[in-house]
Amino acid sequence: MPKISAATVAQHRANRLRDLLDAGRAIVAEEGPEALTLAALARRVGLSRPSLYEYFRSREELVAAIVTDELPDQARRLAEAVHAVDGVPARVEAYLRTVLEIIVDGSHGAVVALSAHALPEPSRRRIRAEHEKLLAPLAGVLIEARVPQPGLRALLIHGSVEAAARTLRPGDVAQSENVLQALLDLVLHGIGVDRKNTRPDYPR
């Protein structure tokens, strides 16, 4: 039996799996998603390919494991941020601020890049289910505010945040705050156009 580095075999496997997922994320962050292969991961952690197969039988399994491991932690951060404050505006701001923080760090980029790869349908379903949990805290705030179609609107708001994050420069705190305030204004107050005063032929 291989030497274990924990109190139990189960704990040893859990620790090893955590090391493998962390190493996989590091490969993606440093070299891009195409560099993530079982061979590259085995070299990174000093593990033989047969030993690695005990955890992942294919690159697709590895990708799905990294993505579904990352998303629950992001969902937890969002839920904690929203529940730490009171009132709809404050909760919306907490959600937007935390989403921006998540997006501009390297982990979210790795998740997005890996999710774009062709994966078996069961893996894609797992990823979709976990991704929907990211929207749950915001949808809950919209439900509390009695906003119509809260699920759809939460999805649209999240898309706006992802678009806004592409305008950010690493380390530019002032720009990040400007983007956050623009998002808050857009989400809470719209773009300021009175639909009653728009031209008759304007699509509504």
C-alpha atoms as a PDB file:
ATOM      1  CA  MET A   1       0.000   0.000   0.000  1.00  0.00           C
ATOM      2  CA  PRO A   2       1.374   3.457  -0.861  1.00  0.00           C
ATOM      3  CA  LYS A   3       2.497   5.597   2.033  1.00  0.00           C
ATOM      4  CA  ILE A   4      -0.248   7.996   3.070  1.00  0.00           C
ATOM      5  CA  SER A   5       0.218  11.487   4.471  1.00  0.00           C
ATOM      6  CA  ALA A   6      -2.978  11.752   6.509  1.00  0.00           C
ATOM      7  CA  ALA A   7      -4.768  10.015   9.367  1.00  0.00           C
ATOM      8  CA  THR A   8      -6.901   7.936   7.003  1.00  0.00           C
ATOM      9  CA  VAL A   9      -6.760   6.756   3.416  1.00  0.00           C
ATOM     10  CA  ALA A  10      -9.910   8.789   2.651  1.00  0.00           C
ATOM     11  CA  GLN A  11      -8.316  11.964   3.996  1.00  0.00           C
ATOM     12  CA  HIS A  12      -5.146  11.245   2.063  1.00  0.00           C
ATOM     13  CA  ARG A  13      -7.152  10.949  -1.158  1.00  0.00           C
ATOM     14  CA  ALA A  14      -9.060  14.143  -0.384  1.00  0.00           C
ATOM     15  CA  ASN A  15      -5.792  15.999   0.202  1.00  0.00           C
ATOM     16  CA  ARG A  16      -4.275  14.614  -2.972  1.00  0.00           C
ATOM     17  CA  LEU A  17      -7.360  15.568  -4.978  1.00  0.00           C
ATOM     18  CA  ARG A  18      -7.165  19.110  -3.597  1.00  0.00           C
ATOM     19  CA  ASP A  19      -3.494  19.301  -4.613  1.00  0.00           C
ATOM     20  CA  LEU A  20      -4.340  18.061  -8.112  1.00  0.00           C
ATOM     21  CA  LEU A  21      -7.138  20.601  -8.596  1.00  0.00           C
ATOM     22  CA  ASP A  22      -4.938  23.437  -7.343  1.00  0.00           C
ATOM     23  CA  ALA A  23      -2.141  22.353  -9.664  1.00  0.00           C
ATOM     24  CA  GLY A  24      -4.560  22.164 -12.589  1.00  0.00           C
ATOM     25  CA  ARG A  25      -5.784  25.697 -11.924  1.00  0.00           C
ATOM     26  CA  ALA A  26      -2.174  26.889 -11.733  1.00  0.00           C
ATOM     27  CA  ILE A  27      -1.413  25.380 -15.150  1.00  0.00           C
ATOM     28  CA  VAL A  28      -4.392  27.165 -16.692  1.00  0.00           C
ATOM     29  CA  ALA A  29      -3.517  30.485 -15.034  1.00  0.00           C
ATOM     30  CA  GLU A  30       0.134  30.322 -16.098  1.00  0.00           C
ATOM     31  CA  GLU A  31      -0.038  28.670 -19.516  1.00  0.00           C
ATOM     32  CA  GLY A  32      -3.653  28.799 -20.701  1.00  0.00           C
ATOM     33  CA  PRO A  33      -6.413  26.174 -20.880  1.00  0.00           C
ATOM     34  CA  GLU A  34      -4.842  24.298 -23.801  1.00  0.00           C
ATOM     35  CA  ALA A  35      -1.841  23.467 -21.613  1.00  0.00           C
ATOM     36  CA  LEU A  36      -4.012  21.517 -19.168  1.00  0.00           C
ATOM     37  CA  THR A  37      -3.484  17.843 -19.947  1.00  0.00           C
ATOM     38  CA  LEU A  38      -3.163  14.771 -17.769  1.00  0.00           C
ATOM     39  CA  ALA A  39       0.503  14.508 -18.731  1.00  0.00           C
ATOM     40  CA  ALA A  40       1.157  18.142 -17.756  1.00  0.00           C
ATOM     41  CA  LEU A  41      -0.652  17.670 -14.467  1.00  0.00           C
ATOM     42  CA  ALA A  42       1.291  14.497 -13.691  1.00  0.00           C
ATOM     43  CA  ARG A  43       4.564  16.336 -14.314  1.00  0.00           C
ATOM     44  CA  ARG A  44       3.480  19.297 -12.189  1.00  0.00           C
ATOM     45  CA  VAL A  45       2.710  17.190  -9.119  1.00  0.00           C
ATOM     46  CA  GLY A  46       5.309  14.467  -9.655  1.00  0.00           C
ATOM     47  CA  LEU A  47       2.722  11.722  -9.981  1.00  0.00           C
ATOM     48  CA  SER A  48       2.779   8.802 -12.402  1.00  0.00           C
ATOM     49  CA  ARG A  49       0.094   8.612 -15.065  1.00  0.00           C
ATOM     50  CA  PRO A  50      -1.335   5.333 -13.647  1.00  0.00           C
ATOM     51  CA  SER A  51      -1.643   6.989 -10.222  1.00  0.00           C
ATOM     52  CA  LEU A  52      -3.296  10.034 -11.780  1.00  0.00           C
ATOM     53  CA  TYR A  53      -5.862   7.783 -13.477  1.00  0.00           C
ATOM     54  CA  GLU A  54      -7.132   6.866 -10.019  1.00  0.00           C
ATOM     55  CA  TYR A  55      -8.524  10.415  -9.862  1.00  0.00           C
ATOM     56  CA  PHE A  56      -9.259  11.378 -13.478  1.00  0.00           C
ATOM     57  CA  ARG A  57      -9.772   9.000 -16.384  1.00  0.00           C
ATOM     58  CA  SER A  58      -9.660  11.743 -19.016  1.00  0.00           C
ATOM     59  CA  ARG A  59      -8.887  15.409 -19.564  1.00  0.00           C
ATOM     60  CA  GLU A  60     -12.633  16.059 -19.719  1.00  0.00           C
ATOM     61  CA  GLU A  61     -13.077  14.639 -16.225  1.00  0.00           C
ATOM     62  CA  LEU A  62     -10.233  16.846 -14.995  1.00  0.00           C
ATOM     63  CA  VAL A  63     -11.729  19.989 -16.566  1.00  0.00           C
ATOM     64  CA  ALA A  64     -15.190  19.275 -15.154  1.00  0.00           C
ATOM     65  CA  ALA A  65     -13.718  18.629 -11.705  1.00  0.00           C
ATOM     66  CA  ILE A  66     -11.816  21.939 -11.667  1.00  0.00           C
ATOM     67  CA  VAL A  67     -14.833  23.943 -12.797  1.00  0.00           C
ATOM     68  CA  THR A  68     -17.342  22.340 -10.449  1.00  0.00           C
ATOM     69  CA  ASP A  69     -14.878  22.638  -7.566  1.00  0.00           C
ATOM     70  CA  GLU A  70     -14.373  26.377  -8.109  1.00  0.00           C
ATOM     71  CA  LEU A  71     -17.992  27.461  -8.574  1.00  0.00           C
ATOM     72  CA  PRO A  72     -19.387  26.417  -5.155  1.00  0.00           C
ATOM     73  CA  ASP A  73     -16.764  28.554  -3.388  1.00  0.00           C
ATOM     74  CA  GLN A  74     -17.721  31.527  -5.542  1.00  0.00           C
ATOM     75  CA  ALA A  75     -21.408  30.950  -4.768  1.00  0.00           C
ATOM     76  CA  ARG A  76     -20.601  30.827  -1.050  1.00  0.00           C
ATOM     77  CA  ARG A  77     -18.706  34.138  -1.235  1.00  0.00           C
ATOM     78  CA  LEU A  78     -21.629  35.792  -2.996  1.00  0.00           C
ATOM     79  CA  ALA A  79     -24.206  34.484  -0.529  1.00  0.00           C
ATOM     80  CA  GLU A  80     -22.108  35.591   2.453  1.00  0.00           C
ATOM     81  CA  ALA A  81     -21.612  39.065   0.964  1.00  0.00           C
ATOM     82  CA  VAL A  82     -25.325  39.546   0.309  1.00  0.00           C
ATOM     83  CA  HIS A  83     -26.421  38.310   3.729  1.00  0.00           C
ATOM     84  CA  ALA A  84     -23.862  40.434   5.557  1.00  0.00           C
ATOM     85  CA  VAL A  85     -25.812  43.645   4.840  1.00  0.00           C
ATOM     86  CA  ASP A  86     -29.425  44.794   5.067  1.00  0.00           C
ATOM     87  CA  GLY A  87     -31.659  46.445   2.487  1.00  0.00           C
ATOM     88  CA  VAL A  88     -32.062  45.831  -1.230  1.00  0.00           C
ATOM     89  CA  PRO A  89     -29.653  48.542  -2.505  1.00  0.00           C
ATOM     90  CA  ALA A  90     -26.914  47.461  -0.088  1.00  0.00           C
ATOM     91  CA  ARG A  91     -27.359  43.804  -1.007  1.00  0.00           C
ATOM     92  CA  VAL A  92     -27.253  44.548  -4.720  1.00  0.00           C
ATOM     93  CA  GLU A  93     -24.061  46.534  -4.196  1.00  0.00           C
ATOM     94  CA  ALA A  94     -22.527  43.711  -2.140  1.00  0.00           C
ATOM     95  CA  TYR A  95     -23.355  41.217  -4.885  1.00  0.00           C
ATOM     96  CA  LEU A  96     -21.968  43.390  -7.690  1.00  0.00           C
ATOM     97  CA  ARG A  97     -18.815  44.266  -5.762  1.00  0.00           C
ATOM     98  CA  THR A  98     -18.106  40.628  -4.932  1.00  0.00           C
ATOM     99  CA  VAL A  99     -18.807  39.416  -8.474  1.00  0.00           C
ATOM    100  CA  LEU A 100     -16.355  41.980  -9.835  1.00  0.00           C
ATOM    101  CA  GLU A 101     -13.737  40.839  -7.322  1.00  0.00           C
ATOM    102  CA  ILE A 102     -14.266  37.227  -8.382  1.00  0.00           C
ATOM    103  CA  ILE A 103     -14.156  38.011 -12.092  1.00  0.00           C
ATOM    104  CA  VAL A 104     -10.980  40.065 -12.036  1.00  0.00           C
ATOM    105  CA  ASP A 105      -8.997  37.421 -10.171  1.00  0.00           C
ATOM    106  CA  GLY A 106      -7.433  34.531 -12.061  1.00  0.00           C
ATOM    107  CA  SER A 107      -9.713  31.758 -10.862  1.00  0.00           C
ATOM    108  CA  HIS A 108     -12.840  32.961 -12.651  1.00  0.00           C
ATOM    109  CA  GLY A 109     -10.984  33.395 -15.900  1.00  0.00           C
ATOM    110  CA  ALA A 110      -9.795  29.813 -15.683  1.00  0.00           C
ATOM    111  CA  VAL A 111     -13.337  28.587 -15.063  1.00  0.00           C
ATOM    112  CA  VAL A 112     -14.713  30.510 -18.047  1.00  0.00           C
ATOM    113  CA  ALA A 113     -11.930  29.338 -20.344  1.00  0.00           C
ATOM    114  CA  LEU A 114     -12.298  25.717 -19.318  1.00  0.00           C
ATOM    115  CA  SER A 115     -16.112  25.807 -19.505  1.00  0.00           C
ATOM    116  CA  ALA A 116     -15.855  26.811 -23.167  1.00  0.00           C
ATOM    117  CA  HIS A 117     -14.207  23.507 -24.060  1.00  0.00           C
ATOM    118  CA  ALA A 118     -16.158  20.585 -25.416  1.00  0.00           C
ATOM    119  CA  LEU A 119     -17.276  18.432 -22.518  1.00  0.00           C
ATOM    120  CA  PRO A 120     -19.629  15.462 -22.198  1.00  0.00           C
ATOM    121  CA  GLU A 121     -23.226  16.467 -21.574  1.00  0.00           C
ATOM    122  CA  PRO A 122     -23.302  15.122 -17.989  1.00  0.00           C
ATOM    123  CA  SER A 123     -20.329  17.365 -17.158  1.00  0.00           C
ATOM    124  CA  ARG A 124     -21.969  20.349 -18.827  1.00  0.00           C
ATOM    125  CA  ARG A 125     -25.146  19.765 -16.811  1.00  0.00           C
ATOM    126  CA  ARG A 126     -23.115  19.740 -13.595  1.00  0.00           C
ATOM    127  CA  ILE A 127     -21.418  22.983 -14.554  1.00  0.00           C
ATOM    128  CA  ARG A 128     -24.717  24.659 -15.507  1.00  0.00           C
ATOM    129  CA  ALA A 129     -26.258  23.627 -12.188  1.00  0.00           C
ATOM    130  CA  GLU A 130     -23.330  25.067 -10.242  1.00  0.00           C
ATOM    131  CA  HIS A 131     -23.318  28.260 -12.308  1.00  0.00           C
ATOM    132  CA  GLU A 132     -26.997  28.841 -11.564  1.00  0.00           C
ATOM    133  CA  LYS A 133     -26.096  28.899  -7.877  1.00  0.00           C
ATOM    134  CA  LEU A 134     -23.996  32.017  -8.549  1.00  0.00           C
ATOM    135  CA  LEU A 135     -27.191  33.835  -9.490  1.00  0.00           C
ATOM    136  CA  ALA A 136     -29.221  32.605  -6.530  1.00  0.00           C
ATOM    137  CA  PRO A 137     -28.165  35.333  -4.027  1.00  0.00           C
ATOM    138  CA  LEU A 138     -29.012  38.098  -6.519  1.00  0.00           C
ATOM    139  CA  ALA A 139     -32.277  36.452  -7.546  1.00  0.00           C
ATOM    140  CA  GLY A 140     -33.181  36.256  -3.857  1.00  0.00           C
ATOM    141  CA  VAL A 141     -32.642  40.005  -3.478  1.00  0.00           C
ATOM    142  CA  LEU A 142     -34.819  40.692  -6.525  1.00  0.00           C
ATOM    143  CA  ILE A 143     -37.532  38.425  -5.170  1.00  0.00           C
ATOM    144  CA  GLU A 144     -37.376  40.320  -1.872  1.00  0.00           C
ATOM    145  CA  ALA A 145     -37.803  43.573  -3.824  1.00  0.00           C
ATOM    146  CA  ARG A 146     -40.720  42.030  -5.769  1.00  0.00           C
ATOM    147  CA  VAL A 147     -38.991  42.617  -9.088  1.00  0.00           C
ATOM    148  CA  PRO A 148     -40.755  40.833 -11.984  1.00  0.00           C
ATOM    149  CA  GLN A 149     -38.954  37.838 -13.529  1.00  0.00           C
ATOM    150  CA  PRO A 150     -36.194  37.784 -10.908  1.00  0.00           C
ATOM    151  CA  GLY A 151     -34.354  34.812 -12.406  1.00  0.00           C
ATOM    152  CA  LEU A 152     -34.154  36.360 -15.877  1.00  0.00           C
ATOM    153  CA  ARG A 153     -33.172  39.765 -14.533  1.00  0.00           C
ATOM    154  CA  ALA A 154     -30.486  38.240 -12.314  1.00  0.00           C
ATOM    155  CA  LEU A 155     -29.043  36.515 -15.392  1.00  0.00           C
ATOM    156  CA  LEU A 156     -29.044  39.783 -17.366  1.00  0.00           C
ATOM    157  CA  ILE A 157     -27.430  41.695 -14.511  1.00  0.00           C
ATOM    158  CA  HIS A 158     -24.731  39.051 -14.168  1.00  0.00           C
ATOM    159  CA  GLY A 159     -24.045  39.333 -17.895  1.00  0.00           C
ATOM    160  CA  SER A 160     -23.651  43.101 -17.509  1.00  0.00           C
ATOM    161  CA  VAL A 161     -21.139  42.554 -14.731  1.00  0.00           C
ATOM    162  CA  GLU A 162     -19.063  40.192 -16.869  1.00  0.00           C
ATOM    163  CA  ALA A 163     -19.086  42.742 -19.701  1.00  0.00           C
ATOM    164  CA  ALA A 164     -18.117  45.544 -17.325  1.00  0.00           C
ATOM    165  CA  ALA A 165     -15.267  43.505 -15.875  1.00  0.00           C
ATOM    166  CA  ARG A 166     -13.604  43.411 -19.295  1.00  0.00           C
ATOM    167  CA  THR A 167     -13.029  47.169 -18.991  1.00  0.00           C
ATOM    168  CA  LEU A 168     -11.031  46.824 -15.782  1.00  0.00           C
ATOM    169  CA  ARG A 169      -7.257  47.074 -15.561  1.00  0.00           C
ATOM    170  CA  PRO A 170      -5.485  44.990 -12.902  1.00  0.00           C
ATOM    171  CA  GLY A 171      -4.705  47.077  -9.835  1.00  0.00           C
ATOM    172  CA  ASP A 172      -6.719  50.111 -10.957  1.00  0.00           C
ATOM    173  CA  VAL A 173      -8.833  50.627  -7.853  1.00  0.00           C
ATOM    174  CA  ALA A 174     -10.342  53.915  -9.033  1.00  0.00           C
ATOM    175  CA  GLN A 175     -11.510  52.413 -12.327  1.00  0.00           C
ATOM    176  CA  SER A 176     -12.957  49.416 -10.521  1.00  0.00           C
ATOM    177  CA  GLU A 177     -14.958  51.729  -8.259  1.00  0.00           C
ATOM    178  CA  ASN A 178     -16.172  53.756 -11.258  1.00  0.00           C
ATOM    179  CA  VAL A 179     -17.359  50.580 -12.959  1.00  0.00           C
ATOM    180  CA  LEU A 180     -19.099  49.436  -9.797  1.00  0.00           C
ATOM    181  CA  GLN A 181     -20.929  52.750  -9.392  1.00  0.00           C
ATOM    182  CA  ALA A 182     -22.009  52.733 -13.049  1.00  0.00           C
ATOM    183  CA  LEU A 183     -23.332  49.200 -12.643  1.00  0.00           C
ATOM    184  CA  LEU A 184     -25.200  50.144  -9.477  1.00  0.00           C
ATOM    185  CA  ASP A 185     -26.785  53.119 -11.188  1.00  0.00           C
ATOM    186  CA  LEU A 186     -27.777  50.993 -14.165  1.00  0.00           C
ATOM    187  CA  VAL A 187     -29.198  48.147 -12.100  1.00  0.00           C
ATOM    188  CA  LEU A 188     -31.020  50.238  -9.510  1.00  0.00           C
ATOM    189  CA  HIS A 189     -32.184  53.143 -11.667  1.00  0.00           C
ATOM    190  CA  GLY A 190     -31.957  52.085 -15.313  1.00  0.00           C
ATOM    191  CA  ILE A 191     -30.370  54.302 -17.944  1.00  0.00           C
ATOM    192  CA  GLY A 192     -32.557  57.288 -17.095  1.00  0.00           C
ATOM    193  CA  VAL A 193     -34.746  57.276 -20.231  1.00  0.00           C
ATOM    194  CA  ASP A 194     -38.433  58.017 -19.701  1.00  0.00           C
ATOM    195  CA  ARG A 195     -40.161  55.465 -21.930  1.00  0.00           C
ATOM    196  CA  LYS A 196     -43.273  57.681 -22.108  1.00  0.00           C
ATOM    197  CA  ASN A 197     -41.243  60.377 -23.843  1.00  0.00           C
ATOM    198  CA  THR A 198     -39.468  58.206 -26.401  1.00  0.00           C
ATOM    199  CA  ARG A 199     -40.252  58.557 -30.093  1.00  0.00           C
ATOM    200  CA  PRO A 200     -43.388  56.650 -31.185  1.00  0.00           C
ATOM    201  CA  ASP A 201     -41.407  54.417 -33.534  1.00  0.00           C
ATOM    202  CA  TYR A 202     -38.821  53.497 -30.871  1.00  0.00           C
ATOM    203  CA  PRO A 203     -38.946  49.722 -30.186  1.00  0.00           C
ATOM    204  CA  ARG A 204     -40.185  48.991 -26.702  1.00  0.00           C
END
